Structure formats: structure tokens, C-alpha cells
Amino acid sequence: MFAFTSNRDGDYEVYLMNADGSAVVALTNNSASDYVGGWSPDGQKIVFQSDRDGNSEIYVMNADGSAPTRLTNNPSFEFHPMWSSDGQKIAFASNRDGTTRSM
């Protein structure tokens, strides 16, 4: 399975699909922009970036899209989350130091 971001339904959401491109399923469905970061090493969770609470924050959800949980809560812009190789930590980029973001 692949997790990916697409705006195929009008705004950016996180989707899953089989390696052959079949069985595309939306994991998120809201008016916010959601961008996939990556799978946890055990394949049970997906970390992603979302502006669903009015600011770009880091979230984690189960691999089936259930139980999205916000991990950060800061007025800065958080983006590009990824799991550590042991699955114990999540790294992400931020403009908390006052620099201008670029993507």
C-alpha cells in the first residue's frame, strides 16, 4: 500500500492505494489541506501535516484513517513530518525560529 496526497476531490487529502494503482481510498476528508508525511516503521500509523485547526500542525492517525491526533500546537508553520527509524519519535520542519518558510 502507498500513502499519498492528492487534490483530486477539490482539496488536498491523504489517500491509500495498492501498488498497482487500484483500490484508492481517502483517509482524510475535510475542508483543510492534509499532506502525508510517512508510515510508522511498524506500518500501523501515518504522520501528516494539516491546517484543519487553522494553522499548519503535525498529526498522526491510524493506518485506516481513524483517530487523527494533533501532535503540535504552535502558531508557527510545521511541515514535512517523518518517523525516526525506531518509530519512537517524529521529526518535522518548522519556522519557529522566525525564518520564512519555503516548500
Foldseek 3Di string as FASTA:
>chain_A
DDWFWDCPPPAIFIWDADPVRPDIDTLDDDPKHKGWQAAQLVRQKTKIWICPVPATFIWMATNSNPDIDTDDDDNWHWHNWDADNVRPDIDIDTCVVVDDDDD
